[in-house]
Each structure stands twice: as C-alpha cells, then as structure tokens.
C-alpha cells in the first residue's frame, strides 16, 4: 500500500495518534511530511508534543508494522496543502 504523500506536503491529523508509552498527539495537529520512501513516512509536527522530543517532534509510520503502517497513516492523516516539487536546476 502507498500513502500518496510526498515530502513537503502539509498534513493534519484526523484522529488521535498514540505512540504508547511515549506520547499522544491530538486530532487537528498540523505538520509537514519530512521523510517518505517505500517503507517509512515521517511527519514533523508544528507544535511541540510532550514526550516526542527524542524523535525530533516527528511521528513515523512504518509499512508492515501493525497499527503504525501506511493503512493507519491513511486513516490518521489528511493532506491540507501539497508541497512544492523540488527544483532540478
């Protein structure tokens, strides 16, 4: 499964995302996709989240990890603004 997001996309959490026992992020929180490949999706959040400092305030989804896979990302994220494609100049 793919998540359909690319680096630079702005996203909003559509539901609470829990990374037990480290942190919980409330629905409505906004961030930027900062990393994506065939196995990992990373979103850096705009607001500081208590407990997420160790991960540079980033939430990760890992394809194949139950509950944190791309299917979960598709349920938990909505794109609110597409990122700008990187220049090849």
N, C-alpha and C. Protein backbone atom coordinates (compact mmCIF):
# COMPACT_ATOMS: atom_id res chain seq x y z
N UNK A 1 0.84 -1.19 0.00
CA UNK A 1 0.00 0.00 0.00
C UNK A 1 0.88 1.23 0.00
N UNK A 2 0.44 2.26 -0.68
CA UNK A 2 1.14 3.54 -0.64
C UNK A 2 0.29 4.55 0.12
N UNK A 3 0.92 5.60 0.58
CA UNK A 3 0.20 6.61 1.36
C UNK A 3 -0.15 7.83 0.53
N UNK A 4 0.44 8.00 -0.65
CA UNK A 4 0.08 9.09 -1.54
C UNK A 4 0.61 10.46 -1.13
N UNK A 5 1.51 10.51 -0.17
CA UNK A 5 2.06 11.78 0.30
C UNK A 5 3.50 11.92 -0.17
N UNK A 6 3.95 13.17 -0.26
CA UNK A 6 5.34 13.40 -0.63
C UNK A 6 5.96 14.42 0.32
N UNK A 7 7.29 14.44 0.36
CA UNK A 7 7.98 15.39 1.23
C UNK A 7 7.53 16.80 0.90
N UNK A 8 7.26 17.57 1.95
CA UNK A 8 6.81 18.95 1.81
C UNK A 8 5.30 19.12 1.93
N UNK A 9 4.54 18.02 1.77
CA UNK A 9 3.09 18.11 1.94
C UNK A 9 2.75 18.51 3.36
N UNK A 10 1.76 19.39 3.51
CA UNK A 10 1.25 19.77 4.82
C UNK A 10 0.09 18.85 5.13
N UNK A 11 0.04 18.34 6.35
CA UNK A 11 -0.98 17.38 6.74
C UNK A 11 -1.57 17.74 8.10
N UNK A 12 -2.77 17.22 8.34
CA UNK A 12 -3.45 17.38 9.63
C UNK A 12 -3.84 15.99 10.11
N UNK A 13 -3.69 15.76 11.42
CA UNK A 13 -4.15 14.50 12.00
C UNK A 13 -5.67 14.51 12.08
N UNK A 14 -6.30 13.47 11.60
CA UNK A 14 -7.75 13.38 11.61
C UNK A 14 -8.27 12.67 12.85
N UNK A 15 -7.37 12.08 13.61
CA UNK A 15 -7.74 11.42 14.85
C UNK A 15 -6.55 11.42 15.79
N UNK A 16 -6.77 11.06 17.01
CA UNK A 16 -5.69 10.97 17.99
C UNK A 16 -4.71 9.90 17.53
N UNK A 17 -3.41 10.21 17.60
CA UNK A 17 -2.36 9.25 17.27
C UNK A 17 -1.57 8.98 18.54
N UNK A 18 -1.52 7.72 18.91
CA UNK A 18 -0.83 7.32 20.14
C UNK A 18 0.42 6.53 19.80
N UNK A 19 1.52 6.91 20.43
CA UNK A 19 2.76 6.15 20.34
C UNK A 19 3.14 5.75 21.77
N UNK A 20 2.35 4.82 22.29
CA UNK A 20 2.49 4.36 23.67
C UNK A 20 3.86 3.74 23.87
N UNK A 21 4.52 3.99 24.97
CA UNK A 21 4.16 4.82 26.12
C UNK A 21 4.73 6.23 26.04
N UNK A 22 5.16 6.63 24.87
CA UNK A 22 5.94 7.85 24.74
C UNK A 22 5.10 9.13 24.64
N UNK A 23 4.12 9.15 23.73
CA UNK A 23 3.35 10.37 23.56
C UNK A 23 2.03 10.10 22.85
N UNK A 24 1.14 11.08 22.98
CA UNK A 24 -0.16 11.08 22.31
C UNK A 24 -0.29 12.43 21.62
N UNK A 25 -0.75 12.41 20.36
CA UNK A 25 -0.93 13.64 19.60
C UNK A 25 -2.42 13.78 19.29
N UNK A 26 -2.95 14.95 19.57
CA UNK A 26 -4.38 15.20 19.40
C UNK A 26 -4.77 15.38 17.94
N UNK A 27 -5.99 14.98 17.63
CA UNK A 27 -6.55 15.23 16.30
C UNK A 27 -6.53 16.74 16.04
N UNK A 28 -6.29 17.12 14.80
CA UNK A 28 -6.22 18.52 14.43
C UNK A 28 -4.81 19.08 14.40
N UNK A 29 -3.85 18.34 14.96
CA UNK A 29 -2.46 18.78 14.96
C UNK A 29 -1.95 18.78 13.52
N UNK A 30 -1.15 19.80 13.19
CA UNK A 30 -0.67 20.01 11.82
C UNK A 30 0.84 19.80 11.77
N UNK A 31 1.31 19.31 10.62
CA UNK A 31 2.74 19.12 10.42
C UNK A 31 3.09 19.03 8.95
N UNK A 32 4.36 18.72 8.69
CA UNK A 32 4.89 18.63 7.33
C UNK A 32 5.52 17.26 7.13
N UNK A 33 5.22 16.64 5.98
CA UNK A 33 5.87 15.38 5.64
C UNK A 33 7.35 15.70 5.39
N UNK A 34 8.22 15.09 6.19
CA UNK A 34 9.65 15.37 6.09
C UNK A 34 10.45 14.19 5.59
N UNK A 35 9.82 13.02 5.53
CA UNK A 35 10.54 11.84 5.03
C UNK A 35 9.53 10.85 4.48
N UNK A 36 9.83 10.30 3.33
CA UNK A 36 8.98 9.26 2.78
C UNK A 36 9.77 8.37 1.82
N UNK A 37 9.52 7.08 1.93
CA UNK A 37 10.03 6.11 0.96
C UNK A 37 9.06 4.94 0.94
N UNK A 38 9.45 3.82 0.39
CA UNK A 38 8.53 2.68 0.28
C UNK A 38 8.20 2.03 1.61
N UNK A 39 8.95 2.35 2.66
CA UNK A 39 8.76 1.67 3.93
C UNK A 39 8.44 2.59 5.10
N UNK A 40 8.73 3.89 4.96
CA UNK A 40 8.61 4.81 6.10
C UNK A 40 7.98 6.13 5.65
N UNK A 41 7.15 6.69 6.52
CA UNK A 41 6.57 8.02 6.35
C UNK A 41 6.81 8.79 7.63
N UNK A 42 7.43 9.95 7.54
CA UNK A 42 7.69 10.78 8.71
C UNK A 42 7.05 12.14 8.58
N UNK A 43 6.39 12.60 9.65
CA UNK A 43 5.76 13.91 9.69
C UNK A 43 6.29 14.67 10.91
N UNK A 44 6.89 15.83 10.66
CA UNK A 44 7.34 16.70 11.75
C UNK A 44 6.20 17.64 12.09
N UNK A 45 5.84 17.65 13.36
CA UNK A 45 4.69 18.43 13.83
C UNK A 45 5.08 19.88 14.10
N UNK A 46 4.14 20.78 13.84
CA UNK A 46 4.38 22.21 14.08
C UNK A 46 4.48 22.51 15.57
N UNK A 47 3.59 21.92 16.35
CA UNK A 47 3.56 22.16 17.80
C UNK A 47 4.44 21.15 18.51
N UNK A 48 5.10 21.60 19.56
CA UNK A 48 5.91 20.69 20.37
C UNK A 48 4.99 19.74 21.13
N UNK A 49 5.29 18.46 21.07
CA UNK A 49 4.50 17.43 21.73
C UNK A 49 5.32 16.85 22.87
N UNK A 50 4.80 16.95 24.09
CA UNK A 50 5.50 16.39 25.24
C UNK A 50 5.73 14.91 25.03
N UNK A 51 6.97 14.49 25.18
CA UNK A 51 7.34 13.09 25.02
C UNK A 51 7.90 12.75 23.65
N UNK A 52 7.71 13.65 22.67
CA UNK A 52 8.18 13.37 21.31
C UNK A 52 9.55 14.01 21.02
N UNK A 53 10.15 14.62 22.02
CA UNK A 53 11.43 15.30 21.83
C UNK A 53 12.51 14.33 21.32
N UNK A 54 12.51 13.12 21.84
CA UNK A 54 13.52 12.12 21.46
C UNK A 54 13.48 11.82 19.96
N UNK A 55 12.33 12.03 19.35
CA UNK A 55 12.14 11.75 17.93
C UNK A 55 12.03 13.06 17.13
N UNK A 56 12.60 14.13 17.66
CA UNK A 56 12.61 15.45 16.99
C UNK A 56 11.21 15.91 16.62
N UNK A 57 10.24 15.60 17.51
CA UNK A 57 8.86 16.04 17.32
C UNK A 57 8.26 15.47 16.03
N UNK A 58 8.65 14.26 15.71
CA UNK A 58 8.22 13.62 14.47
C UNK A 58 7.44 12.34 14.78
N UNK A 59 6.39 12.11 13.99
CA UNK A 59 5.65 10.85 14.04
C UNK A 59 6.04 10.03 12.82
N UNK A 60 6.27 8.75 13.03
CA UNK A 60 6.64 7.87 11.93
C UNK A 60 5.58 6.79 11.75
N UNK A 61 5.37 6.40 10.50
CA UNK A 61 4.56 5.24 10.14
C UNK A 61 5.47 4.31 9.35
N UNK A 62 5.40 3.01 9.65
CA UNK A 62 6.28 2.01 9.03
C UNK A 62 5.44 0.95 8.33
N UNK A 63 5.58 0.83 7.03
CA UNK A 63 4.83 -0.17 6.31
C UNK A 63 5.15 -1.55 6.87
N UNK A 64 4.11 -2.31 7.18
CA UNK A 64 4.28 -3.64 7.74
C UNK A 64 4.18 -3.69 9.25
N UNK A 65 4.16 -2.54 9.93
CA UNK A 65 4.04 -2.52 11.39
C UNK A 65 2.57 -2.29 11.75
N UNK A 66 1.94 -3.30 12.28
CA UNK A 66 0.51 -3.24 12.58
C UNK A 66 0.19 -2.03 13.47
N UNK A 67 -0.81 -1.27 13.05
CA UNK A 67 -1.24 -0.10 13.81
C UNK A 67 -0.44 1.16 13.53
N UNK A 68 0.71 1.01 12.90
CA UNK A 68 1.54 2.17 12.55
C UNK A 68 1.96 2.09 11.08
N UNK A 69 1.18 1.35 10.28
CA UNK A 69 1.52 1.16 8.88
C UNK A 69 0.89 2.23 8.00
N UNK A 70 1.03 2.09 6.69
CA UNK A 70 0.50 3.10 5.78
C UNK A 70 -1.02 3.12 5.78
N UNK A 71 -1.66 1.99 6.08
CA UNK A 71 -3.12 1.99 6.21
C UNK A 71 -3.53 2.88 7.38
N UNK A 72 -2.79 2.81 8.48
CA UNK A 72 -3.06 3.68 9.64
C UNK A 72 -2.82 5.14 9.25
N UNK A 73 -1.73 5.41 8.52
CA UNK A 73 -1.45 6.79 8.09
C UNK A 73 -2.59 7.33 7.24
N UNK A 74 -3.15 6.48 6.37
CA UNK A 74 -4.26 6.91 5.52
C UNK A 74 -5.49 7.29 6.35
N UNK A 75 -5.69 6.61 7.48
CA UNK A 75 -6.81 6.93 8.37
C UNK A 75 -6.51 8.15 9.23
N UNK A 76 -5.26 8.33 9.60
CA UNK A 76 -4.89 9.32 10.61
C UNK A 76 -4.45 10.67 10.04
N UNK A 77 -4.21 10.75 8.73
CA UNK A 77 -3.70 11.97 8.12
C UNK A 77 -4.58 12.43 6.97
N UNK A 78 -4.68 13.75 6.81
CA UNK A 78 -5.27 14.31 5.60
C UNK A 78 -4.35 15.40 5.09
N UNK A 79 -4.15 15.42 3.78
CA UNK A 79 -3.31 16.46 3.17
C UNK A 79 -4.11 17.76 3.17
N UNK A 80 -3.47 18.83 3.64
CA UNK A 80 -4.14 20.14 3.62
C UNK A 80 -3.49 21.09 2.63
N UNK A 81 -2.28 20.76 2.18
CA UNK A 81 -1.60 21.57 1.19
C UNK A 81 -0.47 20.75 0.59
N UNK A 82 -0.43 20.66 -0.72
CA UNK A 82 0.64 19.91 -1.37
C UNK A 82 1.94 20.69 -1.28
N UNK A 83 3.01 19.97 -1.09
CA UNK A 83 4.32 20.60 -1.04
C UNK A 83 4.77 21.03 -2.42
N UNK A 84 5.75 21.88 -2.46
CA UNK A 84 6.31 22.34 -3.73
C UNK A 84 7.31 21.31 -4.22
N UNK A 85 7.20 20.91 -5.48
CA UNK A 85 8.21 19.97 -6.01
C UNK A 85 9.58 20.59 -5.94
N UNK A 86 10.57 19.76 -5.68
CA UNK A 86 11.94 20.28 -5.59
C UNK A 86 12.44 20.60 -7.00
N UNK A 87 13.20 21.68 -7.08
CA UNK A 87 13.76 22.12 -8.36
C UNK A 87 14.85 21.17 -8.78
N UNK A 88 14.94 20.92 -10.06
CA UNK A 88 16.02 20.07 -10.58
C UNK A 88 17.10 20.93 -11.22
N UNK A 89 17.03 22.26 -11.07
CA UNK A 89 18.04 23.16 -11.66
C UNK A 89 19.29 23.18 -10.84
